[in-house]
Amino acid sequence: MSESPETELPPAPGAERYVALDFVNSAIALPGGQFIDFLGTPAGANRWLAGRDLAPEGAGLQEMCTTQLRSLREHLRALFAARVAGIPALPAALAAVNDALSRVPTAALLYWDDKNGPYRAAPHPLNEILDHALAALSANAADLLTSPDAERLTSCESAPCTRYLLRHGRRHWCSTRCGDRARAARAYARRTQAKTD
């Protein structure tokens, strides 16, 4: 497992609207057996969350936090895969998402400042940064899976890529690079087939 700059591969179509799509794609299989995991280390996970305004820079995530993030990512991948395949979701994946959703308050609480008086704000103590990130990612995934956009959810059709995307027209690849690789593989298969005929 390795980390690499996020500029290596552009976000998949739909990731600009659904951070959960970007989240499930934070582990990327590349040709030649290479693998990138942006949540592979606590520092990498912190950078990934901070880059999406889900945690402050230098939040000090520990390995336990990173493990929880990777676990939620796998549960969301299972839900996305079930949606794409049109099969029932795994109960454990649903339970993990619902658990993350229920860990944080949904209403802004009432506070009182001695200088300015009463105000409302959602509680977000530093020791709950991870819970808030997990809840935000789960809520965003639930929004995607229950929206009309879920009909366009698909997996990249260029092996070995494992990313998900929102399909636009006939495009079934997460990036130009994956599309070029799939077209080259089809052309090679046609040439090989023609030689054997």
Foldseek 3Di string as FASTA:
>chain_A
DAADPPVPFDFFAPCVPFVLLVLLQQWKQDPPRDIHHQLPAQQSVLVSCCVVVLAPRPLPDHVVLSVLSVVLSVLLLQVLVCLQVVHDGDPVSVVSLVVLQPPFDPFWDWDADPVPGIDTGGDDDSVCSSSSSSNSSSVSSVCCCPDPQSVQWDAAPQPPTGHIHRDDPPDRHRHPVSVVNVVVVVVVVVVVVVVVD
